[in-house]
């Protein structure tokens, strides 16, 4: 039986780079992959883009109302694949995550989902929460804070200053928004300074 995998980490932990390496590993062995990205992630448009500068075209832009199973089955009839790889999985809907779980189990095709657990206010994304509930295997990809400690949280900056209120989804690089990975101590320090 294939599995649903959730590989998560704070911003800058190398999730997209790891995703592209996983896809390359399958392809190097003659196995096809399908690259999926939620349409809510407008960064790179129809590409996934790593902070290292490498990118790759996606096969499927999955809208929030799309039935993940139907979309994958349609893609499979056009080009059979051996693995589903998803970038920015936190933007998927809980129902889509559940469909991906059953897709892996029933079709015996592994699904590798990469994303972050929490937003800039430390609240869970609905897609990530469902992944934490259903994934067969969960792996943390680690990165460090500016102080050298393990970063766990995502600080949002607007025009270079940390902010702690706003909409849950704001894409990195758009409207002067950027993110920084922070340890809990630094996150709390910047939060207190902004209060």
C-alpha atoms as a PDB file:
ATOM      1  CA  UNK A   1       0.000   0.000   0.000  1.00  0.00           C
ATOM      2  CA  UNK A   2       1.317   3.439  -0.919  1.00  0.00           C
ATOM      3  CA  UNK A   3       1.265   6.215   1.655  1.00  0.00           C
ATOM      4  CA  UNK A   4       0.448   9.881   2.105  1.00  0.00           C
ATOM      5  CA  UNK A   5       3.560  11.712   3.329  1.00  0.00           C
ATOM      6  CA  UNK A   6       3.641  15.174   4.904  1.00  0.00           C
ATOM      7  CA  UNK A   7       7.000  16.903   4.866  1.00  0.00           C
ATOM      8  CA  UNK A   8       6.745  20.230   6.640  1.00  0.00           C
ATOM      9  CA  UNK A   9       9.026  22.965   7.853  1.00  0.00           C
ATOM     10  CA  UNK A  10       9.222  26.682   8.526  1.00  0.00           C
ATOM     11  CA  UNK A  11       9.882  29.035   5.637  1.00  0.00           C
ATOM     12  CA  UNK A  12      13.351  28.562   4.108  1.00  0.00           C
ATOM     13  CA  UNK A  13      13.684  24.961   5.256  1.00  0.00           C
ATOM     14  CA  UNK A  14      14.165  23.698   1.708  1.00  0.00           C
ATOM     15  CA  UNK A  15      10.740  22.140   1.118  1.00  0.00           C
ATOM     16  CA  UNK A  16      10.482  23.002  -2.574  1.00  0.00           C
ATOM     17  CA  UNK A  17      14.096  21.995  -3.183  1.00  0.00           C
ATOM     18  CA  UNK A  18      13.451  18.643  -1.457  1.00  0.00           C
ATOM     19  CA  UNK A  19      10.288  18.220  -3.542  1.00  0.00           C
ATOM     20  CA  UNK A  20      12.224  18.724  -6.770  1.00  0.00           C
ATOM     21  CA  UNK A  21      14.888  16.278  -5.617  1.00  0.00           C
ATOM     22  CA  UNK A  22      12.224  13.656  -4.835  1.00  0.00           C
ATOM     23  CA  UNK A  23      10.677  14.156  -8.283  1.00  0.00           C
ATOM     24  CA  UNK A  24      14.109  13.869  -9.888  1.00  0.00           C
ATOM     25  CA  UNK A  25      14.785  10.613  -8.021  1.00  0.00           C
ATOM     26  CA  UNK A  26      11.606   9.046  -9.433  1.00  0.00           C
ATOM     27  CA  UNK A  27      12.286  10.313 -12.944  1.00  0.00           C
ATOM     28  CA  UNK A  28      15.899   9.169 -12.890  1.00  0.00           C
ATOM     29  CA  UNK A  29      14.554   5.658 -12.375  1.00  0.00           C
ATOM     30  CA  UNK A  30      12.182   5.938 -15.323  1.00  0.00           C
ATOM     31  CA  UNK A  31       9.101   6.662 -13.205  1.00  0.00           C
ATOM     32  CA  UNK A  32       6.746   9.527 -14.030  1.00  0.00           C
ATOM     33  CA  UNK A  33       5.609  12.052 -11.432  1.00  0.00           C
ATOM     34  CA  UNK A  34       2.806  14.576 -11.450  1.00  0.00           C
ATOM     35  CA  UNK A  35       3.590  17.933  -9.821  1.00  0.00           C
ATOM     36  CA  UNK A  36       0.601  19.622  -8.155  1.00  0.00           C
ATOM     37  CA  UNK A  37       0.323  23.119  -6.723  1.00  0.00           C
ATOM     38  CA  UNK A  38      -2.723  24.831  -5.190  1.00  0.00           C
ATOM     39  CA  UNK A  39      -3.900  27.705  -7.362  1.00  0.00           C
ATOM     40  CA  UNK A  40      -3.955  29.862  -4.205  1.00  0.00           C
ATOM     41  CA  UNK A  41      -0.158  29.976  -4.444  1.00  0.00           C
ATOM     42  CA  UNK A  42       0.376  32.652  -7.077  1.00  0.00           C
ATOM     43  CA  UNK A  43       4.154  32.773  -6.577  1.00  0.00           C
ATOM     44  CA  UNK A  44       5.788  31.528  -9.748  1.00  0.00           C
ATOM     45  CA  UNK A  45       2.379  31.308 -11.456  1.00  0.00           C
ATOM     46  CA  UNK A  46       2.364  27.840 -13.097  1.00  0.00           C
ATOM     47  CA  UNK A  47       5.776  26.923 -11.706  1.00  0.00           C
ATOM     48  CA  UNK A  48       7.157  25.896  -8.358  1.00  0.00           C
ATOM     49  CA  UNK A  49      10.103  28.060  -7.408  1.00  0.00           C
ATOM     50  CA  UNK A  50      12.756  27.354  -4.795  1.00  0.00           C
ATOM     51  CA  UNK A  51      14.531  30.152  -2.964  1.00  0.00           C
ATOM     52  CA  UNK A  52      17.730  28.651  -4.404  1.00  0.00           C
ATOM     53  CA  UNK A  53      16.528  29.865  -7.793  1.00  0.00           C
ATOM     54  CA  UNK A  54      15.571  26.534  -9.345  1.00  0.00           C
ATOM     55  CA  UNK A  55      12.073  26.024 -10.628  1.00  0.00           C
ATOM     56  CA  UNK A  56       9.882  23.605 -12.469  1.00  0.00           C
ATOM     57  CA  UNK A  57       6.563  23.697 -14.306  1.00  0.00           C
ATOM     58  CA  UNK A  58       3.592  22.186 -12.506  1.00  0.00           C
ATOM     59  CA  UNK A  59       1.332  19.635 -14.137  1.00  0.00           C
ATOM     60  CA  UNK A  60      -1.790  20.533 -12.148  1.00  0.00           C
ATOM     61  CA  UNK A  61      -2.944  23.791 -10.575  1.00  0.00           C
ATOM     62  CA  UNK A  62      -5.553  22.590  -8.096  1.00  0.00           C
ATOM     63  CA  UNK A  63      -8.325  25.073  -7.354  1.00  0.00           C
ATOM     64  CA  UNK A  64      -9.934  25.168  -3.917  1.00  0.00           C
ATOM     65  CA  UNK A  65     -13.197  23.772  -5.325  1.00  0.00           C
ATOM     66  CA  UNK A  66     -11.567  21.051  -7.439  1.00  0.00           C
ATOM     67  CA  UNK A  67     -12.156  17.393  -6.641  1.00  0.00           C
ATOM     68  CA  UNK A  68      -8.583  16.137  -6.183  1.00  0.00           C
ATOM     69  CA  UNK A  69      -9.465  12.550  -7.091  1.00  0.00           C
ATOM     70  CA  UNK A  70     -11.179  13.498 -10.353  1.00  0.00           C
ATOM     71  CA  UNK A  71      -8.356  15.837 -11.356  1.00  0.00           C
ATOM     72  CA  UNK A  72      -5.711  13.164 -10.692  1.00  0.00           C
ATOM     73  CA  UNK A  73      -7.686  10.459 -12.516  1.00  0.00           C
ATOM     74  CA  UNK A  74      -8.055  12.721 -15.548  1.00  0.00           C
ATOM     75  CA  UNK A  75      -4.312  13.488 -15.502  1.00  0.00           C
ATOM     76  CA  UNK A  76      -3.476   9.784 -15.144  1.00  0.00           C
ATOM     77  CA  UNK A  77      -5.461   8.881 -18.290  1.00  0.00           C
ATOM     78  CA  UNK A  78      -3.400  11.443 -20.258  1.00  0.00           C
ATOM     79  CA  UNK A  79      -0.015  10.512 -18.786  1.00  0.00           C
ATOM     80  CA  UNK A  80       0.261   7.656 -16.256  1.00  0.00           C
ATOM     81  CA  UNK A  81       2.420   8.492 -13.236  1.00  0.00           C
ATOM     82  CA  UNK A  82       3.995   6.656 -10.319  1.00  0.00           C
ATOM     83  CA  UNK A  83       3.958   9.425  -7.707  1.00  0.00           C
ATOM     84  CA  UNK A  84       2.036  12.604  -6.832  1.00  0.00           C
ATOM     85  CA  UNK A  85       4.150  15.477  -5.467  1.00  0.00           C
ATOM     86  CA  UNK A  86       2.457  18.556  -3.992  1.00  0.00           C
ATOM     87  CA  UNK A  87       4.019  21.931  -3.167  1.00  0.00           C
ATOM     88  CA  UNK A  88       2.438  24.403  -0.702  1.00  0.00           C
ATOM     89  CA  UNK A  89       0.045  21.728   0.550  1.00  0.00           C
ATOM     90  CA  UNK A  90      -1.125  23.951   3.417  1.00  0.00           C
ATOM     91  CA  UNK A  91      -3.303  25.790   0.884  1.00  0.00           C
ATOM     92  CA  UNK A  92      -5.330  22.681   0.036  1.00  0.00           C
ATOM     93  CA  UNK A  93      -8.769  22.168   1.543  1.00  0.00           C
ATOM     94  CA  UNK A  94      -9.250  19.457   4.214  1.00  0.00           C
ATOM     95  CA  UNK A  95     -11.522  17.534   1.810  1.00  0.00           C
ATOM     96  CA  UNK A  96      -8.753  17.546  -0.796  1.00  0.00           C
ATOM     97  CA  UNK A  97      -6.275  16.165   1.737  1.00  0.00           C
ATOM     98  CA  UNK A  98      -8.702  13.396   2.617  1.00  0.00           C
ATOM     99  CA  UNK A  99      -9.125  12.599  -1.094  1.00  0.00           C
ATOM    100  CA  UNK A 100      -5.332  12.437  -1.482  1.00  0.00           C
ATOM    101  CA  UNK A 101      -5.105  10.045   1.476  1.00  0.00           C
ATOM    102  CA  UNK A 102      -7.613   7.677  -0.098  1.00  0.00           C
ATOM    103  CA  UNK A 103      -6.025   8.114  -3.521  1.00  0.00           C
ATOM    104  CA  UNK A 104      -2.680   6.864  -2.161  1.00  0.00           C
ATOM    105  CA  UNK A 105      -4.355   3.935  -0.414  1.00  0.00           C
ATOM    106  CA  UNK A 106      -6.733   2.857  -3.185  1.00  0.00           C
ATOM    107  CA  UNK A 107      -4.537   3.554  -6.244  1.00  0.00           C
ATOM    108  CA  UNK A 108      -1.301   2.422  -4.556  1.00  0.00           C
ATOM    109  CA  UNK A 109       0.442   5.617  -5.695  1.00  0.00           C
ATOM    110  CA  UNK A 110       2.482   7.558  -3.114  1.00  0.00           C
ATOM    111  CA  UNK A 111       1.492  11.162  -2.442  1.00  0.00           C
ATOM    112  CA  UNK A 112       4.253  13.449  -1.130  1.00  0.00           C
ATOM    113  CA  UNK A 113       2.887  16.708   0.286  1.00  0.00           C
ATOM    114  CA  UNK A 114       5.223  19.563   1.231  1.00  0.00           C
ATOM    115  CA  UNK A 115       4.138  22.635   3.193  1.00  0.00           C
ATOM    116  CA  UNK A 116       4.123  24.593   6.416  1.00  0.00           C
ATOM    117  CA  UNK A 117       2.107  23.758   9.528  1.00  0.00           C
ATOM    118  CA  UNK A 118       1.228  27.198  10.838  1.00  0.00           C
ATOM    119  CA  UNK A 119       0.750  30.727   9.593  1.00  0.00           C
ATOM    120  CA  UNK A 120       2.477  33.907  10.793  1.00  0.00           C
ATOM    121  CA  UNK A 121       0.127  34.032  13.813  1.00  0.00           C
ATOM    122  CA  UNK A 122       0.949  30.419  14.798  1.00  0.00           C
ATOM    123  CA  UNK A 123      -2.491  29.192  13.686  1.00  0.00           C
ATOM    124  CA  UNK A 124      -2.741  25.975  11.718  1.00  0.00           C
ATOM    125  CA  UNK A 125      -3.670  25.978   8.069  1.00  0.00           C
ATOM    126  CA  UNK A 126      -6.721  23.744   7.503  1.00  0.00           C
ATOM    127  CA  UNK A 127      -4.847  21.688   4.884  1.00  0.00           C
ATOM    128  CA  UNK A 128      -1.864  21.159   7.173  1.00  0.00           C
ATOM    129  CA  UNK A 129      -4.057  20.238  10.103  1.00  0.00           C
ATOM    130  CA  UNK A 130      -5.736  17.532   8.023  1.00  0.00           C
ATOM    131  CA  UNK A 131      -2.336  16.308   6.827  1.00  0.00           C
ATOM    132  CA  UNK A 132      -1.179  15.994  10.433  1.00  0.00           C
ATOM    133  CA  UNK A 133      -4.314  13.957  11.153  1.00  0.00           C
ATOM    134  CA  UNK A 134      -4.109  11.619   8.135  1.00  0.00           C
ATOM    135  CA  UNK A 135      -0.560  11.335   6.798  1.00  0.00           C
ATOM    136  CA  UNK A 136       0.993   7.904   7.158  1.00  0.00           C
ATOM    137  CA  UNK A 137       4.382   9.510   7.682  1.00  0.00           C
ATOM    138  CA  UNK A 138       5.266  13.005   8.896  1.00  0.00           C
ATOM    139  CA  UNK A 139       8.752  14.485   8.579  1.00  0.00           C
ATOM    140  CA  UNK A 140      10.048  17.866   9.674  1.00  0.00           C
ATOM    141  CA  UNK A 141      12.519  19.685   7.418  1.00  0.00           C
ATOM    142  CA  UNK A 142      14.576  21.921   9.668  1.00  0.00           C
ATOM    143  CA  UNK A 143      16.076  25.374   9.339  1.00  0.00           C
ATOM    144  CA  UNK A 144      17.570  27.906  11.721  1.00  0.00           C
ATOM    145  CA  UNK A 145      16.531  31.261  13.118  1.00  0.00           C
ATOM    146  CA  UNK A 146      18.673  34.407  12.855  1.00  0.00           C
ATOM    147  CA  UNK A 147      19.906  33.621  16.400  1.00  0.00           C
ATOM    148  CA  UNK A 148      21.082  30.130  15.395  1.00  0.00           C
ATOM    149  CA  UNK A 149      18.345  28.173  17.216  1.00  0.00           C
ATOM    150  CA  UNK A 150      15.903  25.860  15.436  1.00  0.00           C
ATOM    151  CA  UNK A 151      13.256  27.888  13.608  1.00  0.00           C
ATOM    152  CA  UNK A 152       9.699  26.645  14.069  1.00  0.00           C
ATOM    153  CA  UNK A 153       7.573  29.694  13.293  1.00  0.00           C
ATOM    154  CA  UNK A 154       7.035  31.991  10.325  1.00  0.00           C
ATOM    155  CA  UNK A 155       7.298  35.727  10.890  1.00  0.00           C
ATOM    156  CA  UNK A 156       5.564  37.946   8.332  1.00  0.00           C
ATOM    157  CA  UNK A 157       7.111  41.260   7.351  1.00  0.00           C
ATOM    158  CA  UNK A 158       5.453  44.148   5.571  1.00  0.00           C
ATOM    159  CA  UNK A 159       7.914  46.654   4.137  1.00  0.00           C
ATOM    160  CA  UNK A 160      10.648  45.027   6.246  1.00  0.00           C
ATOM    161  CA  UNK A 161       8.826  45.260   9.612  1.00  0.00           C
ATOM    162  CA  UNK A 162       7.267  42.292  11.419  1.00  0.00           C
ATOM    163  CA  UNK A 163       3.466  42.298  11.573  1.00  0.00           C
ATOM    164  CA  UNK A 164       1.204  40.034  13.598  1.00  0.00           C
ATOM    165  CA  UNK A 165      -2.276  40.688  12.204  1.00  0.00           C
ATOM    166  CA  UNK A 166      -3.874  40.302   8.804  1.00  0.00           C
ATOM    167  CA  UNK A 167      -5.271  37.678   6.464  1.00  0.00           C
ATOM    168  CA  UNK A 168      -3.982  34.132   6.883  1.00  0.00           C
ATOM    169  CA  UNK A 169      -2.789  33.912   3.283  1.00  0.00           C
ATOM    170  CA  UNK A 170      -0.416  36.501   1.835  1.00  0.00           C
ATOM    171  CA  UNK A 171       2.068  35.267  -0.767  1.00  0.00           C
ATOM    172  CA  UNK A 172       5.774  35.872  -0.232  1.00  0.00           C
ATOM    173  CA  UNK A 173       7.078  38.534  -2.591  1.00  0.00           C
ATOM    174  CA  UNK A 174       3.687  40.125  -3.319  1.00  0.00           C
ATOM    175  CA  UNK A 175       2.593  43.522  -1.965  1.00  0.00           C
ATOM    176  CA  UNK A 176       5.887  44.027  -0.070  1.00  0.00           C
ATOM    177  CA  UNK A 177       5.286  40.855   1.969  1.00  0.00           C
ATOM    178  CA  UNK A 178       8.178  38.625   2.998  1.00  0.00           C
ATOM    179  CA  UNK A 179       8.655  35.912   5.593  1.00  0.00           C
ATOM    180  CA  UNK A 180      11.411  34.978   8.012  1.00  0.00           C
ATOM    181  CA  UNK A 181      11.821  31.711   9.883  1.00  0.00           C
ATOM    182  CA  UNK A 182      12.044  32.320  13.627  1.00  0.00           C
ATOM    183  CA  UNK A 183      12.564  30.328  16.798  1.00  0.00           C
ATOM    184  CA  UNK A 184       9.811  30.783  19.420  1.00  0.00           C
ATOM    185  CA  UNK A 185      12.005  33.135  21.525  1.00  0.00           C
ATOM    186  CA  UNK A 186      12.729  35.502  18.643  1.00  0.00           C
ATOM    187  CA  UNK A 187       9.119  35.335  17.458  1.00  0.00           C
ATOM    188  CA  UNK A 188       7.931  36.381  20.948  1.00  0.00           C
ATOM    189  CA  UNK A 189      10.544  39.158  21.096  1.00  0.00           C
ATOM    190  CA  UNK A 190       9.438  40.668  17.771  1.00  0.00           C
ATOM    191  CA  UNK A 191       5.778  40.212  18.708  1.00  0.00           C
ATOM    192  CA  UNK A 192       6.305  42.106  21.988  1.00  0.00           C
ATOM    193  CA  UNK A 193       8.238  44.871  20.236  1.00  0.00           C
ATOM    194  CA  UNK A 194       5.359  45.373  17.813  1.00  0.00           C
ATOM    195  CA  UNK A 195       2.691  45.552  20.526  1.00  0.00           C
END
